[in-house]
Amino acid sequence: MLMIATVREVQASSLLVRDRSTSQDVLVRTNNARRFSVGDRVGILFNGVMTRSIPPQITAIRIRRIFGSG
């Protein structure tokens, strides 16, 4: 699945993003979190599995910056 989202928070091994289609915050587990900045628009490829936690969590297969914050 592909999620288009805006980065809201960058952590050591995860990103908190706002899904642009649902306006829901989602925690994205990734080893590449530090490559992104708050405000970046990203495309996140993941296997479709999302936890029912708050916020929901996914594990990224690949993340690409679509539009930078700066």
PDB file of N, CA and C in Angstrom:
ATOM      1  N   MET A   1       0.843  -1.180   0.000  1.00  0.00           N
ATOM      2  CA  MET A   1       0.000   0.000   0.000  1.00  0.00           C
ATOM      3  C   MET A   1       0.887   1.241   0.000  1.00  0.00           C
ATOM      4  N   LEU A   2       0.336   2.334  -0.488  1.00  0.00           N
ATOM      5  CA  LEU A   2       1.057   3.597  -0.509  1.00  0.00           C
ATOM      6  C   LEU A   2       0.280   4.625   0.284  1.00  0.00           C
ATOM      7  N   MET A   3       0.953   5.254   1.222  1.00  0.00           N
ATOM      8  CA  MET A   3       0.361   6.336   2.006  1.00  0.00           C
ATOM      9  C   MET A   3       1.105   7.626   1.678  1.00  0.00           C
ATOM     10  N   ILE A   4       0.363   8.681   1.405  1.00  0.00           N
ATOM     11  CA  ILE A   4       0.941  10.008   1.233  1.00  0.00           C
ATOM     12  C   ILE A   4       0.675  10.750   2.537  1.00  0.00           C
ATOM     13  N   ALA A   5       1.737  11.306   3.116  1.00  0.00           N
ATOM     14  CA  ALA A   5       1.596  11.888   4.455  1.00  0.00           C
ATOM     15  C   ALA A   5       2.537  13.074   4.626  1.00  0.00           C
ATOM     16  N   THR A   6       2.284  13.834   5.678  1.00  0.00           N
ATOM     17  CA  THR A   6       3.139  14.955   6.060  1.00  0.00           C
ATOM     18  C   THR A   6       3.804  14.620   7.385  1.00  0.00           C
ATOM     19  N   VAL A   7       5.125  14.801   7.449  1.00  0.00           N
ATOM     20  CA  VAL A   7       5.874  14.501   8.671  1.00  0.00           C
ATOM     21  C   VAL A   7       5.552  15.529   9.741  1.00  0.00           C
ATOM     22  N   ARG A   8       5.147  15.042  10.906  1.00  0.00           N
ATOM     23  CA  ARG A   8       4.833  15.924  12.043  1.00  0.00           C
ATOM     24  C   ARG A   8       5.916  15.889  13.114  1.00  0.00           C
ATOM     25  N   GLU A   9       6.610  14.743  13.240  1.00  0.00           N
ATOM     26  CA  GLU A   9       7.643  14.586  14.267  1.00  0.00           C
ATOM     27  C   GLU A   9       8.649  13.550  13.800  1.00  0.00           C
ATOM     28  N   VAL A  10       9.937  13.821  14.067  1.00  0.00           N
ATOM     29  CA  VAL A  10      11.005  12.891  13.711  1.00  0.00           C
ATOM     30  C   VAL A  10      11.608  12.353  15.004  1.00  0.00           C
ATOM     31  N   GLN A  11      11.657  11.025  15.135  1.00  0.00           N
ATOM     32  CA  GLN A  11      12.258  10.365  16.287  1.00  0.00           C
ATOM     33  C   GLN A  11      13.430   9.518  15.798  1.00  0.00           C
ATOM     34  N   ALA A  12      14.135   8.862  16.683  1.00  0.00           N
ATOM     35  CA  ALA A  12      15.334   8.104  16.312  1.00  0.00           C
ATOM     36  C   ALA A  12      15.048   7.022  15.278  1.00  0.00           C
ATOM     37  N   SER A  13      13.986   6.270  15.440  1.00  0.00           N
ATOM     38  CA  SER A  13      13.705   5.173  14.513  1.00  0.00           C
ATOM     39  C   SER A  13      12.250   5.160  14.045  1.00  0.00           C
ATOM     40  N   SER A  14      11.629   6.336  14.076  1.00  0.00           N
ATOM     41  CA  SER A  14      10.248   6.407  13.614  1.00  0.00           C
ATOM     42  C   SER A  14       9.879   7.845  13.253  1.00  0.00           C
ATOM     43  N   LEU A  15       8.797   7.956  12.504  1.00  0.00           N
ATOM     44  CA  LEU A  15       8.231   9.247  12.143  1.00  0.00           C
ATOM     45  C   LEU A  15       6.772   9.264  12.580  1.00  0.00           C
ATOM     46  N   LEU A  16       6.324  10.382  13.078  1.00  0.00           N
ATOM     47  CA  LEU A  16       4.897  10.591  13.281  1.00  0.00           C
ATOM     48  C   LEU A  16       4.437  11.396  12.081  1.00  0.00           C
ATOM     49  N   VAL A  17       3.482  10.855  11.343  1.00  0.00           N
ATOM     50  CA  VAL A  17       3.017  11.518  10.131  1.00  0.00           C
ATOM     51  C   VAL A  17       1.508  11.714  10.189  1.00  0.00           C
ATOM     52  N   ARG A  18       1.015  12.631   9.356  1.00  0.00           N
ATOM     53  CA  ARG A  18      -0.429  12.815   9.186  1.00  0.00           C
ATOM     54  C   ARG A  18      -0.786  12.307   7.796  1.00  0.00           C
ATOM     55  N   ASP A  19      -1.576  11.239   7.756  1.00  0.00           N
ATOM     56  CA  ASP A  19      -2.026  10.649   6.492  1.00  0.00           C
ATOM     57  C   ASP A  19      -2.905  11.682   5.780  1.00  0.00           C
ATOM     58  N   ARG A  20      -2.545  12.040   4.562  1.00  0.00           N
ATOM     59  CA  ARG A  20      -3.266  13.088   3.836  1.00  0.00           C
ATOM     60  C   ARG A  20      -4.655  12.641   3.379  1.00  0.00           C
ATOM     61  N   SER A  21      -4.895  11.338   3.251  1.00  0.00           N
ATOM     62  CA  SER A  21      -6.212  10.884   2.805  1.00  0.00           C
ATOM     63  C   SER A  21      -7.212  10.749   3.948  1.00  0.00           C
ATOM     64  N   THR A  22      -6.727  10.504   5.175  1.00  0.00           N
ATOM     65  CA  THR A  22      -7.640  10.291   6.309  1.00  0.00           C
ATOM     66  C   THR A  22      -7.490  11.342   7.410  1.00  0.00           C
ATOM     67  N   SER A  23      -6.451  12.172   7.333  1.00  0.00           N
ATOM     68  CA  SER A  23      -6.117  13.155   8.373  1.00  0.00           C
ATOM     69  C   SER A  23      -5.841  12.498   9.720  1.00  0.00           C
ATOM     70  N   GLN A  24      -5.400  11.254   9.695  1.00  0.00           N
ATOM     71  CA  GLN A  24      -5.090  10.499  10.908  1.00  0.00           C
ATOM     72  C   GLN A  24      -3.580  10.495  11.125  1.00  0.00           C
ATOM     73  N   ASP A  25      -3.161  10.669  12.376  1.00  0.00           N
ATOM     74  CA  ASP A  25      -1.750  10.539  12.717  1.00  0.00           C
ATOM     75  C   ASP A  25      -1.382   9.059  12.739  1.00  0.00           C
ATOM     76  N   VAL A  26      -0.199   8.741  12.198  1.00  0.00           N
ATOM     77  CA  VAL A  26       0.281   7.361  12.129  1.00  0.00           C
ATOM     78  C   VAL A  26       1.758   7.362  12.503  1.00  0.00           C
ATOM     79  N   LEU A  27       2.169   6.403  13.321  1.00  0.00           N
ATOM     80  CA  LEU A  27       3.576   6.230  13.664  1.00  0.00           C
ATOM     81  C   LEU A  27       4.183   5.250  12.656  1.00  0.00           C
ATOM     82  N   VAL A  28       5.242   5.681  11.982  1.00  0.00           N
ATOM     83  CA  VAL A  28       5.880   4.887  10.938  1.00  0.00           C
ATOM     84  C   VAL A  28       7.240   4.428  11.436  1.00  0.00           C
ATOM     85  N   ARG A  29       7.429   3.124  11.573  1.00  0.00           N
ATOM     86  CA  ARG A  29       8.723   2.592  11.979  1.00  0.00           C
ATOM     87  C   ARG A  29       9.633   2.515  10.769  1.00  0.00           C
ATOM     88  N   THR A  30      10.829   3.110  10.887  1.00  0.00           N
ATOM     89  CA  THR A  30      11.803   3.108   9.798  1.00  0.00           C
ATOM     90  C   THR A  30      13.195   3.362  10.344  1.00  0.00           C
ATOM     91  N   ASN A  31      14.189   2.757   9.736  1.00  0.00           N
ATOM     92  CA  ASN A  31      15.577   3.006  10.120  1.00  0.00           C
ATOM     93  C   ASN A  31      16.101   4.304   9.522  1.00  0.00           C
ATOM     94  N   ASN A  32      15.337   4.922   8.634  1.00  0.00           N
ATOM     95  CA  ASN A  32      15.776   6.125   7.930  1.00  0.00           C
ATOM     96  C   ASN A  32      15.073   7.387   8.403  1.00  0.00           C
ATOM     97  N   ALA A  33      14.551   7.388   9.603  1.00  0.00           N
ATOM     98  CA  ALA A  33      13.759   8.522  10.086  1.00  0.00           C
ATOM     99  C   ALA A  33      14.528   9.837  10.052  1.00  0.00           C
ATOM    100  N   ARG A  34      15.793   9.813  10.394  1.00  0.00           N
ATOM    101  CA  ARG A  34      16.578  11.055  10.495  1.00  0.00           C
ATOM    102  C   ARG A  34      16.811  11.739   9.147  1.00  0.00           C
ATOM    103  N   ARG A  35      16.491  11.079   8.055  1.00  0.00           N
ATOM    104  CA  ARG A  35      16.641  11.687   6.729  1.00  0.00           C
ATOM    105  C   ARG A  35      15.531  12.695   6.426  1.00  0.00           C
ATOM    106  N   PHE A  36      14.503  12.711   7.255  1.00  0.00           N
ATOM    107  CA  PHE A  36      13.333  13.539   6.983  1.00  0.00           C
ATOM    108  C   PHE A  36      13.212  14.664   8.000  1.00  0.00           C
ATOM    109  N   SER A  37      12.437  15.677   7.638  1.00  0.00           N
ATOM    110  CA  SER A  37      12.239  16.849   8.495  1.00  0.00           C
ATOM    111  C   SER A  37      10.747  17.096   8.672  1.00  0.00           C
ATOM    112  N   VAL A  38      10.394  17.752   9.766  1.00  0.00           N
ATOM    113  CA  VAL A  38       9.007  18.139  10.002  1.00  0.00           C
ATOM    114  C   VAL A  38       8.543  18.996   8.825  1.00  0.00           C
ATOM    115  N   GLY A  39       7.382  18.669   8.310  1.00  0.00           N
ATOM    116  CA  GLY A  39       6.818  19.404   7.182  1.00  0.00           C
ATOM    117  C   GLY A  39       7.030  18.730   5.841  1.00  0.00           C
ATOM    118  N   ASP A  40       7.956  17.758   5.760  1.00  0.00           N
ATOM    119  CA  ASP A  40       8.164  17.036   4.505  1.00  0.00           C
ATOM    120  C   ASP A  40       6.903  16.277   4.124  1.00  0.00           C
ATOM    121  N   ARG A  41       6.572  16.275   2.854  1.00  0.00           N
ATOM    122  CA  ARG A  41       5.510  15.421   2.339  1.00  0.00           C
ATOM    123  C   ARG A  41       6.201  14.164   1.827  1.00  0.00           C
ATOM    124  N   VAL A  42       5.715  13.006   2.248  1.00  0.00           N
ATOM    125  CA  VAL A  42       6.376  11.744   1.927  1.00  0.00           C
ATOM    126  C   VAL A  42       5.388  10.724   1.374  1.00  0.00           C
ATOM    127  N   GLY A  43       5.923   9.829   0.558  1.00  0.00           N
ATOM    128  CA  GLY A  43       5.192   8.655   0.110  1.00  0.00           C
ATOM    129  C   GLY A  43       5.754   7.461   0.848  1.00  0.00           C
ATOM    130  N   ILE A  44       4.900   6.714   1.522  1.00  0.00           N
ATOM    131  CA  ILE A  44       5.330   5.596   2.356  1.00  0.00           C
ATOM    132  C   ILE A  44       4.757   4.305   1.781  1.00  0.00           C
ATOM    133  N   LEU A  45       5.639   3.412   1.378  1.00  0.00           N
ATOM    134  CA  LEU A  45       5.234   2.098   0.912  1.00  0.00           C
ATOM    135  C   LEU A  45       5.273   1.154   2.110  1.00  0.00           C
ATOM    136  N   PHE A  46       4.153   0.466   2.370  1.00  0.00           N
ATOM    137  CA  PHE A  46       4.096  -0.490   3.480  1.00  0.00           C
ATOM    138  C   PHE A  46       3.199  -1.647   3.082  1.00  0.00           C
ATOM    139  N   ASN A  47       3.227  -2.716   3.860  1.00  0.00           N
ATOM    140  CA  ASN A  47       2.537  -3.951   3.479  1.00  0.00           C
ATOM    141  C   ASN A  47       1.032  -3.946   3.749  1.00  0.00           C
ATOM    142  N   GLY A  48       0.490  -2.838   4.235  1.00  0.00           N
ATOM    143  CA  GLY A  48      -0.948  -2.741   4.487  1.00  0.00           C
ATOM    144  C   GLY A  48      -1.348  -3.078   5.908  1.00  0.00           C
ATOM    145  N   VAL A  49      -0.419  -3.616   6.697  1.00  0.00           N
ATOM    146  CA  VAL A  49      -0.718  -3.965   8.088  1.00  0.00           C
ATOM    147  C   VAL A  49      -0.549  -2.718   8.958  1.00  0.00           C
ATOM    148  N   MET A  50      -1.608  -2.396   9.713  1.00  0.00           N
ATOM    149  CA  MET A  50      -1.595  -1.239  10.608  1.00  0.00           C
ATOM    150  C   MET A  50      -2.142  -1.678  11.962  1.00  0.00           C
ATOM    151  N   THR A  51      -1.435  -1.352  13.043  1.00  0.00           N
ATOM    152  CA  THR A  51      -1.910  -1.737  14.367  1.00  0.00           C
ATOM    153  C   THR A  51      -3.156  -0.935  14.723  1.00  0.00           C
ATOM    154  N   ARG A  52      -3.860  -1.387  15.735  1.00  0.00           N
ATOM    155  CA  ARG A  52      -5.049  -0.688  16.216  1.00  0.00           C
ATOM    156  C   ARG A  52      -4.726   0.232  17.383  1.00  0.00           C
ATOM    157  N   SER A  53      -3.445   0.434  17.633  1.00  0.00           N
ATOM    158  CA  SER A  53      -3.031   1.292  18.748  1.00  0.00           C
ATOM    159  C   SER A  53      -3.342   2.751  18.417  1.00  0.00           C
ATOM    160  N   ILE A  54      -3.146   3.606  19.391  1.00  0.00           N
ATOM    161  CA  ILE A  54      -3.318   5.044  19.191  1.00  0.00           C
ATOM    162  C   ILE A  54      -1.987   5.710  19.469  1.00  0.00           C
ATOM    163  N   PRO A  55      -1.309   6.299  18.482  1.00  0.00           N
ATOM    164  CA  PRO A  55      -1.722   6.286  17.073  1.00  0.00           C
ATOM    165  C   PRO A  55      -1.430   4.930  16.444  1.00  0.00           C
ATOM    166  N   PRO A  56      -2.123   4.631  15.341  1.00  0.00           N
ATOM    167  CA  PRO A  56      -1.824   3.394  14.632  1.00  0.00           C
ATOM    168  C   PRO A  56      -0.361   3.376  14.196  1.00  0.00           C
ATOM    169  N   GLN A  57       0.199   2.182  14.015  1.00  0.00           N
ATOM    170  CA  GLN A  57       1.600   2.056  13.623  1.00  0.00           C
ATOM    171  C   GLN A  57       1.725   1.183  12.383  1.00  0.00           C
ATOM    172  N   ILE A  58       2.687   1.560  11.523  1.00  0.00           N
ATOM    173  CA  ILE A  58       3.022   0.768  10.352  1.00  0.00           C
ATOM    174  C   ILE A  58       4.542   0.650  10.289  1.00  0.00           C
ATOM    175  N   THR A  59       5.021  -0.307   9.524  1.00  0.00           N
ATOM    176  CA  THR A  59       6.457  -0.444   9.269  1.00  0.00           C
ATOM    177  C   THR A  59       6.683  -0.146   7.793  1.00  0.00           C
ATOM    178  N   ALA A  60       7.535   0.839   7.527  1.00  0.00           N
ATOM    179  CA  ALA A  60       7.789   1.260   6.150  1.00  0.00           C
ATOM    180  C   ALA A  60       8.675   0.263   5.426  1.00  0.00           C
ATOM    181  N   ILE A  61       8.333  -0.031   4.187  1.00  0.00           N
ATOM    182  CA  ILE A  61       9.212  -0.775   3.292  1.00  0.00           C
ATOM    183  C   ILE A  61      10.141   0.226   2.605  1.00  0.00           C
ATOM    184  N   ARG A  62       9.570   1.353   2.198  1.00  0.00           N
ATOM    185  CA  ARG A  62      10.344   2.418   1.550  1.00  0.00           C
ATOM    186  C   ARG A  62       9.627   3.744   1.787  1.00  0.00           C
ATOM    187  N   ILE A  63      10.400   4.808   1.992  1.00  0.00           N
ATOM    188  CA  ILE A  63       9.849   6.155   2.137  1.00  0.00           C
ATOM    189  C   ILE A  63      10.590   7.067   1.186  1.00  0.00           C
ATOM    190  N   ARG A  64       9.832   7.895   0.479  1.00  0.00           N
ATOM    191  CA  ARG A  64      10.424   8.877  -0.426  1.00  0.00           C
ATOM    192  C   ARG A  64       9.857  10.255  -0.124  1.00  0.00           C
ATOM    193  N   ARG A  65      10.727  11.243  -0.136  1.00  0.00           N
ATOM    194  CA  ARG A  65      10.286  12.624   0.023  1.00  0.00           C
ATOM    195  C   ARG A  65       9.647  13.064  -1.286  1.00  0.00           C
ATOM    196  N   ILE A  66       8.440  13.601  -1.191  1.00  0.00           N
ATOM    197  CA  ILE A  66       7.724  14.105  -2.364  1.00  0.00           C
ATOM    198  C   ILE A  66       7.926  15.616  -2.462  1.00  0.00           C
ATOM    199  N   PHE A  67       7.897  16.262  -1.306  1.00  0.00           N
ATOM    200  CA  PHE A  67       8.050  17.717  -1.259  1.00  0.00           C
ATOM    201  C   PHE A  67       8.678  18.064   0.071  1.00  0.00           C
ATOM    202  N   GLY A  68       9.777  18.817   0.029  1.00  0.00           N
ATOM    203  CA  GLY A  68      10.483  19.163   1.254  1.00  0.00           C
ATOM    204  C   GLY A  68       9.865  20.330   1.978  1.00  0.00           C
ATOM    205  N   SER A  69      10.207  20.450   3.255  1.00  0.00           N
ATOM    206  CA  SER A  69       9.670  21.543   4.084  1.00  0.00           C
ATOM    207  C   SER A  69      10.412  22.844   3.834  1.00  0.00           C
ATOM    208  N   GLY A  70      11.629  22.776   3.281  1.00  0.00           N
ATOM    209  CA  GLY A  70      12.416  23.982   3.108  1.00  0.00           C
ATOM    210  C   GLY A  70      12.512  24.411   1.764  1.00  0.00           C
TER     211      GLY A  70
END
